[in-house]
C-alpha atoms as a PDB file:
ATOM      1  CA  MET A   1      93.059  74.544 118.836  1.00  0.00           C
ATOM      2  CA  GLU A   2      94.385  76.086 115.757  1.00  0.00           C
ATOM      3  CA  ARG A   3      92.987  78.729 114.088  1.00  0.00           C
ATOM      4  CA  ALA A   4      92.077  78.541 110.425  1.00  0.00           C
ATOM      5  CA  LYS A   5      94.407  80.079 108.174  1.00  0.00           C
ATOM      6  CA  LYS A   6      92.827  82.708 106.124  1.00  0.00           C
ATOM      7  CA  ILE A   7      93.402  84.950 102.782  1.00  0.00           C
ATOM      8  CA  LEU A   8      95.472  88.977 102.906  1.00  0.00           C
ATOM      9  CA  ILE A   9      94.669  91.300  99.787  1.00  0.00           C
ATOM     10  CA  ALA A  10      97.246  93.747 101.543  1.00  0.00           C
ATOM     11  CA  GLY A  11      97.005  97.205  99.257  1.00  0.00           C
ATOM     12  CA  LEU A  12     100.625  99.287  99.909  1.00  0.00           C
ATOM     13  CA  GLY A  13     101.104 102.622  98.583  1.00  0.00           C
ATOM     14  CA  ASN A  14      99.912 106.539  99.818  1.00  0.00           C
ATOM     15  CA  LYS A  15      96.949 107.324  98.712  1.00  0.00           C
ATOM     16  CA  TYR A  16      97.639 111.425  98.499  1.00  0.00           C
ATOM     17  CA  MET A  17     100.780 110.662  96.407  1.00  0.00           C
ATOM     18  CA  GLY A  18      99.224 110.046  93.254  1.00  0.00           C
ATOM     19  CA  ASP A  19     100.225 106.719  91.770  1.00  0.00           C
ATOM     20  CA  ASP A  20     101.541 105.637  94.670  1.00  0.00           C
ATOM     21  CA  GLY A  21      98.083 104.978  95.866  1.00  0.00           C
ATOM     22  CA  PHE A  22      97.454 102.471  93.361  1.00  0.00           C
ATOM     23  CA  GLY A  23      97.273  99.176  96.402  1.00  0.00           C
ATOM     24  CA  PRO A  24      95.019 101.503  98.380  1.00  0.00           C
ATOM     25  CA  ARG A  25      92.726 102.060  95.555  1.00  0.00           C
ATOM     26  CA  VAL A  26      92.410  98.443  94.359  1.00  0.00           C
ATOM     27  CA  ILE A  27      91.657  97.421  98.357  1.00  0.00           C
ATOM     28  CA  GLU A  28      88.429  99.636  98.290  1.00  0.00           C
ATOM     29  CA  ALA A  29      87.476  98.441  95.052  1.00  0.00           C
ATOM     30  CA  LEU A  30      87.357  94.771  96.459  1.00  0.00           C
ATOM     31  CA  MET A  31      85.527  96.197  99.170  1.00  0.00           C
ATOM     32  CA  ALA A  32      82.785  96.746  97.294  1.00  0.00           C
ATOM     33  CA  ARG A  33      82.680  92.903  95.940  1.00  0.00           C
ATOM     34  CA  ASN A  34      81.489  90.369  97.522  1.00  0.00           C
ATOM     35  CA  LEU A  35      84.672  87.995  98.570  1.00  0.00           C
ATOM     36  CA  PRO A  36      84.453  84.648 100.853  1.00  0.00           C
ATOM     37  CA  GLU A  37      84.675  84.762 103.890  1.00  0.00           C
ATOM     38  CA  ASP A  38      88.140  83.647 104.590  1.00  0.00           C
ATOM     39  CA  VAL A  39      89.114  86.651 102.560  1.00  0.00           C
ATOM     40  CA  GLU A  40      90.851  89.693 104.299  1.00  0.00           C
ATOM     41  CA  THR A  41      91.263  92.979 103.052  1.00  0.00           C
ATOM     42  CA  ARG A  42      93.415  95.751 104.616  1.00  0.00           C
ATOM     43  CA  ASP A  43      94.959  99.061 103.598  1.00  0.00           C
ATOM     44  CA  ALA A  44      98.417  98.387 104.837  1.00  0.00           C
ATOM     45  CA  GLY A  45      99.752 102.110 103.880  1.00  0.00           C
ATOM     46  CA  LEU A  46     102.879 102.954 103.947  1.00  0.00           C
ATOM     47  CA  CYS A  47     103.289 100.573 106.977  1.00  0.00           C
ATOM     48  CA  GLY A  48     106.319  98.875 106.183  1.00  0.00           C
ATOM     49  CA  VAL A  49     107.757  96.025 108.194  1.00  0.00           C
ATOM     50  CA  THR A  50     105.364  96.401 111.010  1.00  0.00           C
ATOM     51  CA  LEU A  51     103.041  94.187 108.762  1.00  0.00           C
ATOM     52  CA  ALA A  52     105.203  91.023 109.165  1.00  0.00           C
ATOM     53  CA  PRO A  53     104.031  89.929 112.896  1.00  0.00           C
ATOM     54  CA  ASP A  54     100.387  89.646 111.533  1.00  0.00           C
ATOM     55  CA  LEU A  55     101.717  87.369 108.591  1.00  0.00           C
ATOM     56  CA  ASP A  56     101.411  84.358 110.216  1.00  0.00           C
ATOM     57  CA  ASP A  57      97.950  83.895 110.156  1.00  0.00           C
ATOM     58  CA  TYR A  58      97.451  83.552 106.289  1.00  0.00           C
ATOM     59  CA  GLU A  59      98.268  80.831 104.216  1.00  0.00           C
ATOM     60  CA  LEU A  60      98.119  83.153 101.273  1.00  0.00           C
ATOM     61  CA  VAL A  61      99.190  87.055 101.014  1.00  0.00           C
ATOM     62  CA  ILE A  62      98.528  89.370  98.179  1.00  0.00           C
ATOM     63  CA  PHE A  63      99.890  92.791  97.649  1.00  0.00           C
ATOM     64  CA  VAL A  64      98.940  95.373  95.949  1.00  0.00           C
ATOM     65  CA  ASP A  65     101.954  97.932  95.229  1.00  0.00           C
ATOM     66  CA  ALA A  66     102.613 100.503  92.242  1.00  0.00           C
ATOM     67  CA  VAL A  67     106.220  99.813  90.984  1.00  0.00           C
ATOM     68  CA  GLU A  68     108.435 101.354  88.982  1.00  0.00           C
ATOM     69  CA  LYS A  69     109.612  98.923  86.321  1.00  0.00           C
ATOM     70  CA  ARG A  70     110.322 101.340  83.561  1.00  0.00           C
ATOM     71  CA  GLY A  71     107.433  99.998  81.426  1.00  0.00           C
ATOM     72  CA  LYS A  72     104.398 101.547  80.387  1.00  0.00           C
ATOM     73  CA  PRO A  73     102.502 103.406  82.686  1.00  0.00           C
ATOM     74  CA  GLY A  74      98.734 100.832  83.587  1.00  0.00           C
ATOM     75  CA  THR A  75     100.935  98.114  82.890  1.00  0.00           C
ATOM     76  CA  ILE A  76     100.132  95.046  85.560  1.00  0.00           C
ATOM     77  CA  TYR A  77     103.004  92.882  86.722  1.00  0.00           C
ATOM     78  CA  ARG A  78     102.123  89.559  88.623  1.00  0.00           C
ATOM     79  CA  SER A  79     105.142  87.891  90.715  1.00  0.00           C
ATOM     80  CA  GLU A  80     104.945  84.966  92.754  1.00  0.00           C
ATOM     81  CA  ILE A  81     107.804  84.701  95.920  1.00  0.00           C
ATOM     82  CA  LYS A  82     107.935  81.308  97.811  1.00  0.00           C
ATOM     83  CA  ALA A  83     109.048  81.064 101.108  1.00  0.00           C
ATOM     84  CA  GLU A  84     112.370  79.590 100.157  1.00  0.00           C
ATOM     85  CA  GLN A  85     113.099  82.477  97.356  1.00  0.00           C
ATOM     86  CA  VAL A  86     113.341  84.997  99.987  1.00  0.00           C
ATOM     87  CA  GLU A  87     117.151  85.056 101.283  1.00  0.00           C
ATOM     88  CA  GLU A  88     119.200  87.998 102.326  1.00  0.00           C
ATOM     89  CA  PRO A  89     120.569  89.504  98.935  1.00  0.00           C
ATOM     90  CA  LYS A  90     123.968  89.526  98.804  1.00  0.00           C
ATOM     91  CA  PRO A  91     125.523  92.896  98.506  1.00  0.00           C
ATOM     92  CA  GLU A  92     126.187  92.622  94.559  1.00  0.00           C
ATOM     93  CA  GLU A  93     122.223  91.627  93.852  1.00  0.00           C
ATOM     94  CA  ALA A  94     120.689  93.436  96.664  1.00  0.00           C
ATOM     95  CA  MET A  95     119.040  95.900  93.987  1.00  0.00           C
ATOM     96  CA  SER A  96     117.798  93.253  91.785  1.00  0.00           C
ATOM     97  CA  SER A  97     116.714  90.695  93.562  1.00  0.00           C
ATOM     98  CA  PHE A  98     112.952  91.630  93.180  1.00  0.00           C
ATOM     99  CA  THR A  99     113.381  95.398  94.349  1.00  0.00           C
ATOM    100  CA  PHE A 100     110.483  97.483  92.612  1.00  0.00           C
ATOM    101  CA  SER A 101     108.812  99.054  95.019  1.00  0.00           C
ATOM    102  CA  VAL A 102     108.412 102.381  94.998  1.00  0.00           C
ATOM    103  CA  HIS A 103     108.354 102.950  98.884  1.00  0.00           C
ATOM    104  CA  GLU A 104     110.924 103.841 101.667  1.00  0.00           C
ATOM    105  CA  THR A 105     110.341 100.694 102.834  1.00  0.00           C
ATOM    106  CA  ARG A 106     110.027  98.367 100.576  1.00  0.00           C
ATOM    107  CA  LEU A 107     108.060  94.717  99.973  1.00  0.00           C
ATOM    108  CA  GLU A 108     110.927  92.943 100.259  1.00  0.00           C
ATOM    109  CA  GLU A 109     112.720  93.902 103.377  1.00  0.00           C
ATOM    110  CA  LEU A 110     109.114  93.201 104.658  1.00  0.00           C
ATOM    111  CA  LEU A 111     109.681  89.914 103.657  1.00  0.00           C
ATOM    112  CA  LEU A 112     112.750  89.528 104.654  1.00  0.00           C
ATOM    113  CA  PHE A 113     111.833  90.585 108.402  1.00  0.00           C
ATOM    114  CA  ALA A 114     108.251  87.898 108.128  1.00  0.00           C
ATOM    115  CA  LYS A 115     110.790  85.477 107.517  1.00  0.00           C
ATOM    116  CA  ALA A 116     113.072  86.124 110.179  1.00  0.00           C
ATOM    117  CA  ILE A 117     110.953  85.914 112.688  1.00  0.00           C
ATOM    118  CA  GLY A 118     109.128  83.201 111.093  1.00  0.00           C
ATOM    119  CA  THR A 119     105.506  84.274 109.511  1.00  0.00           C
ATOM    120  CA  LEU A 120     106.104  84.254 106.171  1.00  0.00           C
ATOM    121  CA  PRO A 121     103.182  82.621 104.404  1.00  0.00           C
ATOM    122  CA  PRO A 122     105.058  79.276 102.178  1.00  0.00           C
ATOM    123  CA  ALA A 123     103.747  81.384  98.649  1.00  0.00           C
ATOM    124  CA  THR A 124     103.105  85.055  98.265  1.00  0.00           C
ATOM    125  CA  ILE A 125     101.721  87.532  95.374  1.00  0.00           C
ATOM    126  CA  VAL A 126     102.252  90.424  94.228  1.00  0.00           C
ATOM    127  CA  ILE A 127     100.606  91.739  91.725  1.00  0.00           C
ATOM    128  CA  GLY A 128     102.264  96.305  90.965  1.00  0.00           C
ATOM    129  CA  CYS A 129     101.186  98.334  88.128  1.00  0.00           C
ATOM    130  CA  GLU A 130     103.983 100.681  86.411  1.00  0.00           C
ATOM    131  CA  ILE A 131     103.274 103.746  88.004  1.00  0.00           C
ATOM    132  CA  LEU A 132     103.019 107.201  85.787  1.00  0.00           C
ATOM    133  CA  GLU A 133     104.685 110.027  88.733  1.00  0.00           C
ATOM    134  CA  VAL A 134     103.960 110.151  92.068  1.00  0.00           C
ATOM    135  CA  LYS A 135     103.133 113.789  93.361  1.00  0.00           C
ATOM    136  CA  LEU A 136     100.817 115.724  95.955  1.00  0.00           C
ATOM    137  CA  GLY A 137      97.295 114.547  95.439  1.00  0.00           C
ATOM    138  CA  GLU A 138      94.580 112.346  96.056  1.00  0.00           C
ATOM    139  CA  SER A 139      93.810 111.248  92.054  1.00  0.00           C
ATOM    140  CA  LEU A 140      95.571 108.239  89.738  1.00  0.00           C
ATOM    141  CA  SER A 141      97.121 109.020  86.669  1.00  0.00           C
ATOM    142  CA  GLN A 142      94.771 108.112  83.702  1.00  0.00           C
ATOM    143  CA  GLU A 143      96.236 105.067  82.830  1.00  0.00           C
ATOM    144  CA  VAL A 144      96.560 103.574  86.606  1.00  0.00           C
ATOM    145  CA  ASP A 145      93.403 104.930  87.380  1.00  0.00           C
ATOM    146  CA  ALA A 146      92.205 102.556  84.774  1.00  0.00           C
ATOM    147  CA  ALA A 147      94.850  99.853  85.831  1.00  0.00           C
ATOM    148  CA  VAL A 148      92.708  99.308  89.193  1.00  0.00           C
ATOM    149  CA  LEU A 149      89.556  97.409  87.512  1.00  0.00           C
ATOM    150  CA  ARG A 150      91.493  94.889  85.632  1.00  0.00           C
ATOM    151  CA  ALA A 151      93.600  94.389  89.026  1.00  0.00           C
ATOM    152  CA  VAL A 152      90.837  93.646  90.724  1.00  0.00           C
ATOM    153  CA  GLU A 153      89.607  91.252  88.148  1.00  0.00           C
ATOM    154  CA  LEU A 154      93.197  89.305  88.409  1.00  0.00           C
ATOM    155  CA  ILE A 155      92.938  88.913  92.007  1.00  0.00           C
ATOM    156  CA  LEU A 156      89.976  87.246  91.648  1.00  0.00           C
ATOM    157  CA  ASP A 157      90.825  85.289  88.896  1.00  0.00           C
ATOM    158  CA  GLU A 158      94.130  84.073  91.299  1.00  0.00           C
ATOM    159  CA  LEU A 159      91.535  83.717  95.006  1.00  0.00           C
ATOM    160  CA  GLN A 160      89.767  81.429  92.005  1.00  0.00           C
ATOM    161  CA  ARG A 161      92.951  79.420  90.880  1.00  0.00           C
ATOM    162  CA  TYR A 162      94.199  79.447  94.328  1.00  0.00           C
ATOM    163  CA  ARG A 163      91.009  77.806  95.634  1.00  0.00           C
ATOM    164  CA  GLU A 164      90.962  75.212  92.559  1.00  0.00           C
ATOM    165  CA  ARG A 165      94.603  73.610  93.516  1.00  0.00           C
ATOM    166  CA  LYS A 166      93.464  73.808  97.360  1.00  0.00           C
END
């Protein structure tokens, strides 16, 4: 008997490195909410590609991450990545595909690995927040801290829209 697929909201980042802790902080805020039973939240920290085998358990994955796109700090970006869009980039495109994570193991590497091992969900949503700075310390900059609750509301809206489409 096949298990019912769930939704994963995973916060990426290091909560001890300033604004890089945006993802884990959003997960903490979401955990205080009354989420549907089939929604799992996870502080994925700096797990990198080790999360890839687990993705097979989910029909939708929402990653929350700190990003650096040279925008205004605190700006929230939303990207939807369909499984068919995830492909090994040509060398000249390697840095321009959907690269924006500030971590050593970037989100696109995780998605490429998940696709290679057959665990990539049909759709992945990325909620990113433009950072001000990454520095040793647990506090977020004022701009990024203010974006945490906006990201939570965006994710809750995302879950509602997803359910309406099903």
